[in-house]
Amino acid sequence: MNQDHGNLKVDHRNNFNTNISLRTYTIRSNVNLKVTKTTSAMVRLFGTFDSYTGPITSGAAMYMNIMRTSPVLFKPYYEPDSTHRFVNHILFGNAETGNYFNPYADMTRGYKQYSNSLMGSQIELNQDLSSIITPGLSLRGMMTTNRRANFTITRAYKPFYVTPASYDKFTNTYISVI
């Protein structure tokens, strides 16, 4: 088993975890059987299973979006002001008309889960025909099969963006416009 964890900040105001968790399981079995003096059989089984939970966009796309976003145009999110003190959702930051990309809102707006599996089997049968027909003659048969399965679930909501109308540097407070 291999398990990878992400290093993304989880916003506990959401009721889900957006951090990366990837588990990979791999199994393999090879069995050789001597059925008779002249007959042998081989059975090979393998499987790979992946289970992922994390952000909707890939990690590479997320970091690329962070690099393309201004770090000073708006805050990732704002704490509720006195007008919005009863708001239970995250007030994501945006500027002016609200058409800017907020990577923090994109990261925490939902999550994706997927599971992939690949299983395969191979059976091989070898029959030595030297003593029956002619020396050096053998018969070999092989059968193989694979099974692949996957599913993906994406759960998301539309982020709620706010733009501050005014900001007081001395008290570190703002008045938001929604």
N, C-alpha and C. Protein backbone atom coordinates (compact mmCIF):
# COMPACT_ATOMS: atom_id res chain seq x y z
N MET A 1 0.84 -1.18 0.00
CA MET A 1 0.00 0.00 0.00
C MET A 1 0.88 1.24 0.00
N ASN A 2 0.48 2.23 -0.77
CA ASN A 2 1.14 3.52 -0.81
C ASN A 2 0.10 4.58 -0.50
N GLN A 3 0.41 5.51 0.40
CA GLN A 3 -0.55 6.55 0.75
C GLN A 3 0.14 7.90 0.68
N ASP A 4 -0.49 8.83 -0.06
CA ASP A 4 0.01 10.20 -0.19
C ASP A 4 -1.01 11.15 0.42
N HIS A 5 -0.50 12.13 1.18
CA HIS A 5 -1.35 13.15 1.77
C HIS A 5 -0.95 14.50 1.20
N GLY A 6 -1.90 15.38 1.05
CA GLY A 6 -1.62 16.71 0.54
C GLY A 6 -1.23 17.66 1.66
N ASN A 7 -0.78 18.84 1.27
CA ASN A 7 -0.41 19.85 2.24
C ASN A 7 -1.28 21.10 2.09
N LEU A 8 -2.51 20.92 1.61
CA LEU A 8 -3.42 22.04 1.40
C LEU A 8 -4.14 22.39 2.70
N LYS A 9 -4.41 23.69 2.88
CA LYS A 9 -5.14 24.14 4.06
C LYS A 9 -6.60 23.73 3.93
N VAL A 10 -7.13 23.13 4.97
CA VAL A 10 -8.54 22.73 5.00
C VAL A 10 -9.32 23.80 5.75
N ASP A 11 -10.30 24.38 5.11
CA ASP A 11 -11.13 25.40 5.75
C ASP A 11 -12.23 24.69 6.52
N HIS A 12 -12.21 24.80 7.83
CA HIS A 12 -13.15 24.06 8.69
C HIS A 12 -14.54 24.66 8.70
N ARG A 13 -14.75 25.76 7.98
CA ARG A 13 -16.10 26.29 7.83
C ARG A 13 -16.91 25.45 6.83
N ASN A 14 -16.22 24.70 6.00
CA ASN A 14 -16.89 23.74 5.12
C ASN A 14 -17.14 22.46 5.90
N ASN A 15 -18.10 21.69 5.50
CA ASN A 15 -18.37 20.42 6.19
C ASN A 15 -17.74 19.24 5.43
N PHE A 16 -16.67 19.50 4.68
CA PHE A 16 -15.95 18.45 3.96
C PHE A 16 -14.48 18.80 3.92
N ASN A 17 -13.67 17.80 3.63
CA ASN A 17 -12.23 17.95 3.59
C ASN A 17 -11.78 18.05 2.14
N THR A 18 -11.07 19.11 1.79
CA THR A 18 -10.60 19.30 0.42
C THR A 18 -9.13 18.94 0.25
N ASN A 19 -8.49 18.42 1.27
CA ASN A 19 -7.08 18.06 1.15
C ASN A 19 -6.93 16.77 0.34
N ILE A 20 -5.77 16.56 -0.19
CA ILE A 20 -5.51 15.41 -1.05
C ILE A 20 -5.21 14.17 -0.22
N SER A 21 -5.85 13.08 -0.59
CA SER A 21 -5.56 11.77 -0.01
C SER A 21 -5.61 10.75 -1.15
N LEU A 22 -4.48 10.13 -1.43
CA LEU A 22 -4.40 9.14 -2.51
C LEU A 22 -3.83 7.85 -1.93
N ARG A 23 -4.60 6.79 -2.05
CA ARG A 23 -4.16 5.46 -1.60
C ARG A 23 -4.07 4.54 -2.80
N THR A 24 -2.99 3.81 -2.90
CA THR A 24 -2.79 2.86 -3.99
C THR A 24 -2.42 1.51 -3.39
N TYR A 25 -3.16 0.50 -3.81
CA TYR A 25 -2.89 -0.88 -3.38
C TYR A 25 -2.51 -1.68 -4.62
N THR A 26 -1.49 -2.49 -4.49
CA THR A 26 -1.08 -3.36 -5.59
C THR A 26 -0.87 -4.77 -5.02
N ILE A 27 -1.45 -5.76 -5.72
CA ILE A 27 -1.27 -7.16 -5.31
C ILE A 27 -0.82 -7.96 -6.53
N ARG A 28 -0.05 -9.00 -6.27
CA ARG A 28 0.41 -9.86 -7.35
C ARG A 28 0.65 -11.25 -6.77
N SER A 29 0.26 -12.26 -7.55
CA SER A 29 0.48 -13.63 -7.13
C SER A 29 0.83 -14.46 -8.36
N ASN A 30 1.91 -15.21 -8.29
CA ASN A 30 2.33 -16.14 -9.34
C ASN A 30 2.44 -17.53 -8.72
N VAL A 31 1.71 -18.49 -9.28
CA VAL A 31 1.73 -19.86 -8.76
C VAL A 31 2.08 -20.81 -9.91
N ASN A 32 3.10 -21.62 -9.71
CA ASN A 32 3.48 -22.65 -10.68
C ASN A 32 3.12 -24.01 -10.09
N LEU A 33 2.42 -24.81 -10.89
CA LEU A 33 1.99 -26.13 -10.44
C LEU A 33 2.54 -27.20 -11.37
N LYS A 34 3.01 -28.28 -10.80
CA LYS A 34 3.40 -29.46 -11.58
C LYS A 34 2.25 -30.45 -11.42
N VAL A 35 1.38 -30.52 -12.44
CA VAL A 35 0.18 -31.34 -12.38
C VAL A 35 0.54 -32.81 -12.51
N THR A 36 1.32 -33.16 -13.54
CA THR A 36 1.85 -34.52 -13.73
C THR A 36 3.31 -34.38 -14.11
N LYS A 37 3.95 -35.52 -14.45
CA LYS A 37 5.35 -35.48 -14.87
C LYS A 37 5.53 -34.67 -16.16
N THR A 38 4.51 -34.65 -16.99
CA THR A 38 4.63 -33.99 -18.29
C THR A 38 3.73 -32.77 -18.43
N THR A 39 2.99 -32.42 -17.38
CA THR A 39 2.06 -31.29 -17.47
C THR A 39 2.35 -30.29 -16.35
N SER A 40 2.47 -29.03 -16.74
CA SER A 40 2.64 -27.97 -15.75
C SER A 40 1.63 -26.85 -16.03
N ALA A 41 1.25 -26.15 -14.98
CA ALA A 41 0.30 -25.05 -15.09
C ALA A 41 0.85 -23.86 -14.30
N MET A 42 0.58 -22.66 -14.83
CA MET A 42 0.97 -21.42 -14.15
C MET A 42 -0.26 -20.51 -14.05
N VAL A 43 -0.45 -19.94 -12.88
CA VAL A 43 -1.54 -19.01 -12.66
C VAL A 43 -0.93 -17.71 -12.16
N ARG A 44 -1.21 -16.61 -12.87
CA ARG A 44 -0.71 -15.29 -12.49
C ARG A 44 -1.91 -14.37 -12.26
N LEU A 45 -1.94 -13.73 -11.12
CA LEU A 45 -3.02 -12.80 -10.77
C LEU A 45 -2.40 -11.48 -10.34
N PHE A 46 -3.02 -10.37 -10.75
CA PHE A 46 -2.53 -9.07 -10.29
C PHE A 46 -3.71 -8.11 -10.17
N GLY A 47 -3.50 -7.07 -9.37
CA GLY A 47 -4.53 -6.05 -9.21
C GLY A 47 -3.90 -4.75 -8.74
N THR A 48 -4.45 -3.64 -9.22
CA THR A 48 -4.05 -2.30 -8.80
C THR A 48 -5.33 -1.53 -8.48
N PHE A 49 -5.36 -0.90 -7.31
CA PHE A 49 -6.55 -0.20 -6.84
C PHE A 49 -6.13 1.18 -6.35
N ASP A 50 -6.75 2.24 -6.88
CA ASP A 50 -6.48 3.62 -6.49
C ASP A 50 -7.74 4.22 -5.88
N SER A 51 -7.55 4.99 -4.81
CA SER A 51 -8.66 5.70 -4.17
C SER A 51 -8.18 7.12 -3.89
N TYR A 52 -8.89 8.13 -4.44
CA TYR A 52 -8.48 9.53 -4.34
C TYR A 52 -9.61 10.38 -3.78
N THR A 53 -9.26 11.30 -2.91
CA THR A 53 -10.14 12.36 -2.46
C THR A 53 -9.32 13.63 -2.45
N GLY A 54 -9.86 14.71 -3.03
CA GLY A 54 -9.11 15.96 -3.06
C GLY A 54 -9.83 17.03 -3.84
N PRO A 55 -9.11 18.12 -4.14
CA PRO A 55 -9.71 19.24 -4.86
C PRO A 55 -10.24 18.81 -6.23
N ILE A 56 -11.20 19.58 -6.72
CA ILE A 56 -11.80 19.27 -8.02
C ILE A 56 -10.76 19.42 -9.13
N THR A 57 -9.98 20.49 -9.07
CA THR A 57 -8.92 20.68 -10.06
C THR A 57 -7.67 19.96 -9.59
N SER A 58 -6.80 19.63 -10.51
CA SER A 58 -5.57 18.92 -10.15
C SER A 58 -4.63 19.86 -9.38
N GLY A 59 -3.70 19.29 -8.68
CA GLY A 59 -2.73 20.08 -7.94
C GLY A 59 -1.91 20.98 -8.84
N ALA A 60 -1.51 20.46 -9.99
CA ALA A 60 -0.71 21.27 -10.93
C ALA A 60 -1.53 22.46 -11.44
N ALA A 61 -2.80 22.24 -11.77
CA ALA A 61 -3.65 23.34 -12.25
C ALA A 61 -3.87 24.36 -11.14
N MET A 62 -4.02 23.89 -9.91
CA MET A 62 -4.24 24.79 -8.79
C MET A 62 -3.04 25.72 -8.58
N TYR A 63 -1.83 25.15 -8.58
CA TYR A 63 -0.63 25.97 -8.39
C TYR A 63 -0.42 26.92 -9.57
N MET A 64 -0.77 26.50 -10.77
CA MET A 64 -0.66 27.38 -11.93
C MET A 64 -1.63 28.56 -11.79
N ASN A 65 -2.85 28.31 -11.30
CA ASN A 65 -3.81 29.39 -11.09
C ASN A 65 -3.36 30.35 -9.99
N ILE A 66 -2.70 29.83 -8.97
CA ILE A 66 -2.17 30.69 -7.90
C ILE A 66 -1.11 31.63 -8.47
N MET A 67 -0.25 31.10 -9.33
CA MET A 67 0.81 31.93 -9.92
C MET A 67 0.26 33.00 -10.86
N ARG A 68 -0.93 32.80 -11.40
CA ARG A 68 -1.53 33.75 -12.34
C ARG A 68 -2.47 34.74 -11.66
N THR A 69 -2.59 34.69 -10.35
CA THR A 69 -3.52 35.56 -9.63
C THR A 69 -2.74 36.60 -8.85
N SER A 70 -3.26 37.81 -8.83
CA SER A 70 -2.62 38.90 -8.08
C SER A 70 -2.74 38.64 -6.58
N PRO A 71 -1.63 38.70 -5.84
CA PRO A 71 -1.71 38.46 -4.40
C PRO A 71 -2.17 39.68 -3.61
N VAL A 72 -2.32 40.85 -4.25
CA VAL A 72 -2.67 42.07 -3.53
C VAL A 72 -4.00 42.68 -3.98
N LEU A 73 -4.66 42.13 -4.97
CA LEU A 73 -5.90 42.71 -5.48
C LEU A 73 -7.07 42.49 -4.51
N PHE A 74 -7.11 41.33 -3.85
CA PHE A 74 -8.16 41.03 -2.88
C PHE A 74 -7.67 39.91 -1.97
N LYS A 75 -8.31 39.80 -0.81
CA LYS A 75 -7.97 38.73 0.14
C LYS A 75 -8.63 37.43 -0.32
N PRO A 76 -8.10 36.28 0.04
CA PRO A 76 -8.74 35.01 -0.33
C PRO A 76 -10.16 34.91 0.23
N TYR A 77 -10.35 35.38 1.47
CA TYR A 77 -11.68 35.40 2.09
C TYR A 77 -11.71 36.51 3.13
N TYR A 78 -12.90 36.93 3.48
CA TYR A 78 -13.08 37.98 4.48
C TYR A 78 -13.90 37.43 5.64
N GLU A 79 -13.54 37.89 6.82
CA GLU A 79 -14.35 37.57 7.99
C GLU A 79 -15.62 38.39 7.90
N PRO A 80 -16.74 37.86 8.34
CA PRO A 80 -18.00 38.62 8.26
C PRO A 80 -17.92 39.93 9.04
N ASP A 81 -18.39 41.01 8.42
CA ASP A 81 -18.47 42.29 9.11
C ASP A 81 -19.75 42.32 9.93
N SER A 82 -20.05 43.45 10.57
CA SER A 82 -21.23 43.52 11.45
C SER A 82 -22.53 43.31 10.68
N THR A 83 -22.56 43.70 9.42
CA THR A 83 -23.76 43.51 8.61
C THR A 83 -23.99 42.03 8.30
N HIS A 84 -22.93 41.27 8.19
CA HIS A 84 -23.01 39.86 7.76
C HIS A 84 -22.59 38.91 8.87
N ARG A 85 -22.76 39.29 10.12
CA ARG A 85 -22.28 38.46 11.23
C ARG A 85 -23.04 37.14 11.35
N PHE A 86 -24.23 37.03 10.77
CA PHE A 86 -25.01 35.80 10.86
C PHE A 86 -24.83 34.91 9.63
N VAL A 87 -23.97 35.29 8.73
CA VAL A 87 -23.73 34.50 7.51
C VAL A 87 -22.89 33.28 7.90
N ASN A 88 -23.31 32.10 7.47
CA ASN A 88 -22.60 30.86 7.83
C ASN A 88 -21.63 30.39 6.76
N HIS A 89 -21.68 30.93 5.59
CA HIS A 89 -20.80 30.47 4.51
C HIS A 89 -19.57 31.36 4.42
N ILE A 90 -18.58 30.92 3.69
CA ILE A 90 -17.33 31.65 3.53
C ILE A 90 -17.55 32.82 2.57
N LEU A 91 -17.07 34.00 2.94
CA LEU A 91 -17.15 35.19 2.10
C LEU A 91 -15.85 35.31 1.32
N PHE A 92 -15.82 34.73 0.13
CA PHE A 92 -14.61 34.73 -0.69
C PHE A 92 -14.38 36.12 -1.27
N GLY A 93 -13.12 36.52 -1.31
CA GLY A 93 -12.76 37.83 -1.82
C GLY A 93 -12.75 37.89 -3.34
N ASN A 94 -13.08 39.07 -3.83
CA ASN A 94 -12.98 39.37 -5.26
C ASN A 94 -12.91 40.88 -5.38
N ALA A 95 -12.67 41.37 -6.55
CA ALA A 95 -12.50 42.81 -6.72
C ALA A 95 -13.41 43.34 -7.81
N GLU A 96 -13.76 44.58 -7.65
CA GLU A 96 -14.55 45.34 -8.63
C GLU A 96 -15.80 44.60 -9.07
N THR A 97 -15.82 44.08 -10.29
CA THR A 97 -17.03 43.43 -10.81
C THR A 97 -17.14 41.97 -10.39
N GLY A 98 -16.14 41.44 -9.71
CA GLY A 98 -16.18 40.06 -9.27
C GLY A 98 -15.81 39.04 -10.32
N ASN A 99 -15.14 39.49 -11.37
CA ASN A 99 -14.77 38.59 -12.46
C ASN A 99 -13.33 38.09 -12.37
N TYR A 100 -12.69 38.27 -11.24
CA TYR A 100 -11.32 37.78 -11.08
C TYR A 100 -11.34 36.35 -10.55
N PHE A 101 -10.27 35.64 -10.81
CA PHE A 101 -10.17 34.26 -10.36
C PHE A 101 -9.63 34.24 -8.94
N ASN A 102 -10.30 33.54 -8.04
CA ASN A 102 -9.86 33.38 -6.66
C ASN A 102 -9.46 31.92 -6.46
N PRO A 103 -8.15 31.61 -6.43
CA PRO A 103 -7.73 30.21 -6.31
C PRO A 103 -8.15 29.56 -5.00
N TYR A 104 -8.25 30.35 -3.93
CA TYR A 104 -8.68 29.78 -2.66
C TYR A 104 -10.14 29.33 -2.74
N ALA A 105 -10.98 30.13 -3.39
CA ALA A 105 -12.38 29.74 -3.57
C ALA A 105 -12.47 28.50 -4.44
N ASP A 106 -11.63 28.44 -5.47
CA ASP A 106 -11.65 27.27 -6.35
C ASP A 106 -11.21 26.01 -5.60
N MET A 107 -10.24 26.15 -4.71
CA MET A 107 -9.73 25.00 -3.96
C MET A 107 -10.74 24.49 -2.94
N THR A 108 -11.49 25.40 -2.31
CA THR A 108 -12.37 24.99 -1.21
C THR A 108 -13.84 24.90 -1.62
N ARG A 109 -14.17 25.07 -2.90
CA ARG A 109 -15.58 25.06 -3.32
C ARG A 109 -16.17 23.66 -3.41
N GLY A 110 -15.36 22.65 -3.28
CA GLY A 110 -15.87 21.28 -3.35
C GLY A 110 -14.72 20.29 -3.41
N TYR A 111 -15.06 19.05 -3.69
CA TYR A 111 -14.03 18.02 -3.76
C TYR A 111 -14.44 16.95 -4.76
N LYS A 112 -13.46 16.15 -5.11
CA LYS A 112 -13.68 15.06 -6.05
C LYS A 112 -13.18 13.77 -5.41
N GLN A 113 -13.92 12.70 -5.67
CA GLN A 113 -13.50 11.37 -5.24
C GLN A 113 -13.48 10.48 -6.48
N TYR A 114 -12.46 9.66 -6.58
CA TYR A 114 -12.50 8.66 -7.63
C TYR A 114 -11.85 7.38 -7.15
N SER A 115 -12.22 6.31 -7.81
CA SER A 115 -11.67 5.00 -7.52
C SER A 115 -11.43 4.30 -8.85
N ASN A 116 -10.24 3.78 -9.02
CA ASN A 116 -9.87 3.02 -10.22
C ASN A 116 -9.40 1.64 -9.79
N SER A 117 -9.76 0.64 -10.57
CA SER A 117 -9.23 -0.70 -10.29
C SER A 117 -8.93 -1.42 -11.60
N LEU A 118 -7.88 -2.16 -11.58
CA LEU A 118 -7.49 -3.00 -12.71
C LEU A 118 -7.11 -4.36 -12.14
N MET A 119 -7.79 -5.39 -12.62
CA MET A 119 -7.48 -6.75 -12.17
C MET A 119 -7.23 -7.59 -13.41
N GLY A 120 -6.28 -8.48 -13.30
CA GLY A 120 -5.97 -9.33 -14.43
C GLY A 120 -5.58 -10.72 -13.98
N SER A 121 -5.80 -11.67 -14.85
CA SER A 121 -5.40 -13.05 -14.56
C SER A 121 -4.88 -13.68 -15.84
N GLN A 122 -3.96 -14.60 -15.66
CA GLN A 122 -3.38 -15.33 -16.79
C GLN A 122 -3.19 -16.77 -16.36
N ILE A 123 -3.65 -17.68 -17.20
CA ILE A 123 -3.50 -19.11 -16.93
C ILE A 123 -2.74 -19.70 -18.11
N GLU A 124 -1.72 -20.48 -17.79
CA GLU A 124 -0.90 -21.10 -18.83
C GLU A 124 -0.78 -22.59 -18.54
N LEU A 125 -0.94 -23.40 -19.58
CA LEU A 125 -0.85 -24.85 -19.45
C LEU A 125 0.19 -25.36 -20.44
N ASN A 126 1.17 -26.12 -19.96
CA ASN A 126 2.22 -26.69 -20.80
C ASN A 126 2.15 -28.21 -20.73
N GLN A 127 2.14 -28.84 -21.89
CA GLN A 127 2.11 -30.30 -21.97
C GLN A 127 3.29 -30.75 -22.81
N ASP A 128 4.14 -31.56 -22.20
CA ASP A 128 5.28 -32.14 -22.93
C ASP A 128 4.80 -33.40 -23.65
N LEU A 129 4.93 -33.41 -24.98
CA LEU A 129 4.47 -34.52 -25.80
C LEU A 129 5.62 -35.41 -26.29
N SER A 130 6.81 -35.23 -25.71
CA SER A 130 7.99 -35.99 -26.15
C SER A 130 7.79 -37.50 -26.04
N SER A 131 7.20 -37.97 -24.97
CA SER A 131 7.07 -39.42 -24.77
C SER A 131 5.88 -40.00 -25.53
N ILE A 132 4.94 -39.16 -25.98
CA ILE A 132 3.74 -39.65 -26.65
C ILE A 132 3.90 -39.63 -28.18
N ILE A 133 4.36 -38.49 -28.74
CA ILE A 133 4.38 -38.33 -30.19
C ILE A 133 5.82 -38.36 -30.73
N THR A 134 6.60 -37.33 -30.42
CA THR A 134 7.97 -37.25 -30.92
C THR A 134 8.82 -36.45 -29.94
N PRO A 135 10.09 -36.75 -29.82
CA PRO A 135 10.96 -36.02 -28.89
C PRO A 135 11.03 -34.52 -29.24
N GLY A 136 10.97 -33.65 -28.20
CA GLY A 136 11.07 -32.21 -28.37
C GLY A 136 9.75 -31.50 -28.65
N LEU A 137 8.67 -32.24 -28.83
CA LEU A 137 7.38 -31.64 -29.14
C LEU A 137 6.63 -31.33 -27.84
N SER A 138 6.08 -30.10 -27.78
CA SER A 138 5.28 -29.71 -26.61
C SER A 138 4.11 -28.85 -27.08
N LEU A 139 3.12 -28.76 -26.23
CA LEU A 139 1.92 -27.97 -26.50
C LEU A 139 1.76 -26.97 -25.37
N ARG A 140 1.51 -25.73 -25.76
CA ARG A 140 1.39 -24.68 -24.75
C ARG A 140 0.13 -23.87 -25.05
N GLY A 141 -0.69 -23.67 -24.05
CA GLY A 141 -1.91 -22.86 -24.18
C GLY A 141 -1.95 -21.79 -23.10
N MET A 142 -2.45 -20.63 -23.47
CA MET A 142 -2.50 -19.52 -22.52
C MET A 142 -3.82 -18.77 -22.68
N MET A 143 -4.37 -18.34 -21.55
CA MET A 143 -5.58 -17.54 -21.54
C MET A 143 -5.36 -16.38 -20.58
N THR A 144 -5.78 -15.20 -21.00
CA THR A 144 -5.63 -14.03 -20.14
C THR A 144 -6.90 -13.19 -20.19
N THR A 145 -7.17 -12.50 -19.09
CA THR A 145 -8.33 -11.60 -19.03
C THR A 145 -8.00 -10.43 -18.11
N ASN A 146 -8.58 -9.28 -18.42
CA ASN A 146 -8.42 -8.09 -17.59
C ASN A 146 -9.79 -7.51 -17.28
N ARG A 147 -9.89 -6.87 -16.15
CA ARG A 147 -11.12 -6.18 -15.78
C ARG A 147 -10.72 -4.81 -15.24
N ARG A 148 -11.32 -3.78 -15.81
CA ARG A 148 -11.05 -2.40 -15.40
C ARG A 148 -12.36 -1.77 -14.94
N ALA A 149 -12.32 -1.03 -13.84
CA ALA A 149 -13.51 -0.34 -13.34
C ALA A 149 -13.09 0.99 -12.71
N ASN A 150 -13.96 2.00 -12.84
CA ASN A 150 -13.68 3.27 -12.19
C ASN A 150 -14.98 4.03 -11.99
N PHE A 151 -14.95 4.96 -11.05
CA PHE A 151 -16.06 5.88 -10.85
C PHE A 151 -15.49 7.18 -10.32
N THR A 152 -16.20 8.26 -10.59
CA THR A 152 -15.81 9.59 -10.13
C THR A 152 -17.05 10.31 -9.60
N ILE A 153 -16.89 10.94 -8.46
CA ILE A 153 -17.95 11.75 -7.87
C ILE A 153 -17.38 13.14 -7.61
N THR A 154 -18.08 14.17 -8.04
CA THR A 154 -17.67 15.55 -7.78
C THR A 154 -18.80 16.25 -7.06
N ARG A 155 -18.45 16.87 -5.94
CA ARG A 155 -19.44 17.64 -5.18
C ARG A 155 -18.90 19.06 -5.04
N ALA A 156 -19.74 20.04 -5.41
CA ALA A 156 -19.27 21.42 -5.38
C ALA A 156 -20.44 22.38 -5.19
N TYR A 157 -20.10 23.58 -4.77
CA TYR A 157 -21.08 24.67 -4.69
C TYR A 157 -20.47 25.90 -5.35
N LYS A 158 -21.31 26.84 -5.71
CA LYS A 158 -20.85 28.08 -6.32
C LYS A 158 -20.38 29.00 -5.19
N PRO A 159 -19.12 29.45 -5.23
CA PRO A 159 -18.59 30.31 -4.16
C PRO A 159 -19.36 31.64 -4.07
N PHE A 160 -19.44 32.16 -2.86
CA PHE A 160 -20.12 33.42 -2.58
C PHE A 160 -19.04 34.50 -2.47
N TYR A 161 -18.96 35.38 -3.48
CA TYR A 161 -17.90 36.40 -3.54
C TYR A 161 -18.38 37.72 -2.96
N VAL A 162 -17.47 38.42 -2.30
CA VAL A 162 -17.73 39.76 -1.79
C VAL A 162 -16.61 40.70 -2.24
N THR A 163 -16.96 41.96 -2.35
CA THR A 163 -16.00 43.00 -2.69
C THR A 163 -16.10 44.08 -1.61
N PRO A 164 -15.00 44.40 -0.94
CA PRO A 164 -15.08 45.42 0.11
C PRO A 164 -15.34 46.80 -0.49
N ALA A 165 -16.27 47.53 0.13
CA ALA A 165 -16.58 48.88 -0.31
C ALA A 165 -15.59 49.87 0.30
N SER A 166 -15.19 49.61 1.55
CA SER A 166 -14.20 50.48 2.19
C SER A 166 -13.39 49.66 3.19
N TYR A 167 -12.20 50.16 3.48
CA TYR A 167 -11.31 49.46 4.39
C TYR A 167 -10.61 50.48 5.27
N ASP A 168 -10.59 50.21 6.58
CA ASP A 168 -9.90 51.08 7.54
C ASP A 168 -8.63 50.37 7.98
N LYS A 169 -7.46 50.91 7.58
CA LYS A 169 -6.17 50.27 7.90
C LYS A 169 -5.88 50.27 9.40
N PHE A 170 -6.34 51.28 10.09
CA PHE A 170 -5.98 51.41 11.50
C PHE A 170 -6.72 50.40 12.37
N THR A 171 -7.96 50.10 12.03
CA THR A 171 -8.72 49.13 12.81
C THR A 171 -8.80 47.77 12.13
N ASN A 172 -8.26 47.69 10.93
CA ASN A 172 -8.26 46.46 10.13
C ASN A 172 -9.69 45.93 9.94
N THR A 173 -10.61 46.84 9.63
CA THR A 173 -11.99 46.47 9.39
C THR A 173 -12.40 46.95 8.00
N TYR A 174 -13.43 46.33 7.48
CA TYR A 174 -13.93 46.68 6.15
C TYR A 174 -15.44 46.64 6.17
N ILE A 175 -16.01 47.25 5.16
CA ILE A 175 -17.44 47.17 4.93
C ILE A 175 -17.58 46.49 3.59
N SER A 176 -18.29 45.37 3.54
CA SER A 176 -18.36 44.60 2.32
C SER A 176 -19.57 44.97 1.50
N VAL A 177 -19.42 44.81 0.21
CA VAL A 177 -20.51 44.94 -0.73
C VAL A 177 -20.69 43.58 -1.36
N ILE A 178 -21.88 43.07 -1.34
CA ILE A 178 -22.12 41.73 -1.87
C ILE A 178 -22.76 41.82 -3.22
